[in-house]
Amino acid sequence: MKMKVGCMKWCVYTAAVALLGMLCSTAFAATPEQSGFSAVQGVNAQALSVEEMQAVSGQLNAYDIAAALTAEAPKLANYPKLQSLDLQLASWYQTNAVAINAAFQKLGILTPCQTCSK
């Protein structure tokens, strides 16, 4: 009986040491510099200017967004549910244009209204 208990303790101890060895060896297999990966290594990035941001962002005026959504609605005639959702979104932009444009202004990306003078 003592022999069985001793053998069992030895097996448990050996398994614990082996498990600890495996855990430590995988955790310290390589340094972060050796094992890390970055898709932007060597890239010098800089923030865009407001003008560049506006140029790549497109129309950032709620009135223009509402007008563009409304203009797209007839093209969705074959999809009445989608057309309805498009018009609802256009209406939302139109209704909330003042608040949306204030947020765009705060971010420095508000563009002049293209459709307001039409």
Protein backbone atom coordinates (compact mmCIF):
# COMPACT_ATOMS: atom_id res chain seq x y z
CA MET A 1 0.00 0.00 0.00
CA LYS A 2 2.83 2.38 0.93
CA MET A 3 4.49 1.55 -2.36
CA LYS A 4 1.34 2.51 -4.31
CA VAL A 5 1.02 5.84 -2.47
CA GLY A 6 4.70 6.60 -3.02
CA CYS A 7 4.45 5.73 -6.70
CA MET A 8 1.31 7.84 -7.06
CA LYS A 9 2.98 10.85 -5.37
CA TRP A 10 5.99 10.44 -7.62
CA CYS A 11 3.75 10.36 -10.75
CA VAL A 12 1.83 13.44 -9.65
CA TYR A 13 5.07 15.27 -8.82
CA THR A 14 6.63 14.29 -12.16
CA ALA A 15 3.52 15.37 -14.07
CA ALA A 16 3.47 18.71 -12.23
CA VAL A 17 7.13 19.35 -13.00
CA ALA A 18 6.62 18.41 -16.65
CA LEU A 19 3.57 20.68 -16.92
CA LEU A 20 5.45 23.54 -15.28
CA GLY A 21 8.36 22.96 -17.64
CA MET A 22 6.09 23.06 -20.68
CA LEU A 23 4.34 26.21 -19.53
CA CYS A 24 7.59 28.02 -18.82
CA SER A 25 9.26 26.92 -22.01
CA THR A 26 6.45 28.16 -24.26
CA ALA A 27 6.12 31.40 -22.34
CA PHE A 28 9.77 32.26 -22.77
CA ALA A 29 10.43 30.73 -26.17
CA ALA A 30 11.23 34.04 -27.84
CA THR A 31 11.56 37.66 -26.94
CA PRO A 32 8.76 40.03 -28.06
CA GLU A 33 11.12 41.59 -30.62
CA GLN A 34 11.79 38.21 -32.19
CA SER A 35 8.23 36.92 -32.20
CA GLY A 36 6.23 40.11 -32.73
CA PHE A 37 4.72 41.16 -36.04
CA SER A 38 3.48 44.52 -37.17
CA ALA A 39 2.01 45.37 -40.55
CA VAL A 40 3.15 48.95 -40.18
CA GLN A 41 6.79 48.39 -39.33
CA GLY A 42 8.90 51.00 -41.06
CA VAL A 43 5.94 53.22 -41.99
CA ASN A 44 6.18 56.90 -41.12
CA ALA A 45 2.60 58.03 -40.58
CA GLN A 46 1.37 61.54 -39.96
CA ALA A 47 -2.02 63.07 -39.32
CA LEU A 48 -3.96 64.50 -42.24
CA SER A 49 -4.60 68.22 -42.43
CA VAL A 50 -8.20 69.45 -42.33
CA GLU A 51 -8.12 70.06 -46.09
CA GLU A 52 -6.81 66.55 -46.76
CA MET A 53 -9.40 65.10 -44.41
CA GLN A 54 -12.18 66.89 -46.25
CA ALA A 55 -10.80 65.83 -49.62
CA VAL A 56 -10.81 62.14 -48.75
CA SER A 57 -13.95 62.19 -46.60
CA GLY A 58 -16.32 63.45 -49.27
CA GLN A 59 -19.40 65.42 -48.37
CA LEU A 60 -19.49 66.09 -44.68
CA ASN A 61 -22.46 68.34 -44.47
CA ALA A 62 -25.72 66.83 -43.23
CA TYR A 63 -27.80 68.67 -45.83
CA ASP A 64 -25.66 67.24 -48.64
CA ILE A 65 -25.83 63.73 -47.15
CA ALA A 66 -29.64 63.99 -46.96
CA ALA A 67 -29.79 65.21 -50.56
CA ALA A 68 -27.54 62.39 -51.77
CA LEU A 69 -29.65 59.77 -49.98
CA THR A 70 -32.84 61.25 -51.43
CA ALA A 71 -31.30 61.25 -54.91
CA GLU A 72 -30.43 57.56 -54.57
CA ALA A 73 -33.96 56.53 -53.55
CA PRO A 74 -35.41 56.28 -57.10
CA LYS A 75 -32.64 53.82 -58.01
CA LEU A 76 -33.96 51.53 -55.29
CA ALA A 77 -37.46 51.23 -56.76
CA ASN A 78 -37.07 47.45 -57.14
CA TYR A 79 -36.34 47.21 -53.41
CA PRO A 80 -39.21 49.02 -51.67
CA LYS A 81 -38.08 48.20 -48.14
CA LEU A 82 -34.54 49.43 -48.82
CA GLN A 83 -35.91 52.51 -50.59
CA SER A 84 -38.07 53.27 -47.57
CA LEU A 85 -35.10 52.90 -45.21
CA ASP A 86 -33.00 55.12 -47.46
CA LEU A 87 -35.64 57.85 -47.35
CA GLN A 88 -35.99 57.47 -43.57
CA LEU A 89 -32.25 57.95 -43.18
CA ALA A 90 -32.34 60.98 -45.48
CA SER A 91 -35.16 62.43 -43.38
CA TRP A 92 -33.18 61.81 -40.21
CA TYR A 93 -30.16 63.65 -41.60
CA GLN A 94 -32.37 66.54 -42.73
CA THR A 95 -34.14 66.74 -39.36
CA ASN A 96 -30.91 66.60 -37.35
CA ALA A 97 -28.73 68.57 -39.76
CA VAL A 98 -27.99 71.43 -37.36
CA ALA A 99 -26.73 69.08 -34.62
CA ILE A 100 -24.83 66.87 -37.06
CA ASN A 101 -23.15 69.83 -38.72
CA ALA A 102 -22.21 71.20 -35.29
CA ALA A 103 -20.45 67.90 -34.57
CA PHE A 104 -18.71 68.01 -37.97
CA GLN A 105 -17.66 71.60 -37.21
CA LYS A 106 -16.24 70.56 -33.82
CA LEU A 107 -14.20 67.85 -35.52
CA GLY A 108 -13.01 70.34 -38.13
CA ILE A 109 -14.41 68.33 -41.04
CA LEU A 110 -17.54 70.27 -41.97
CA THR A 111 -17.64 71.03 -45.69
CA PRO A 112 -19.63 73.89 -47.19
CA CYS A 113 -23.14 72.92 -48.18
CA GLN A 114 -23.26 72.11 -51.91
CA THR A 115 -27.04 71.66 -52.16
CA CYS A 116 -28.18 74.55 -49.98
CA SER A 117 -28.05 77.15 -52.77
CA LYS A 118 -29.94 74.98 -55.24
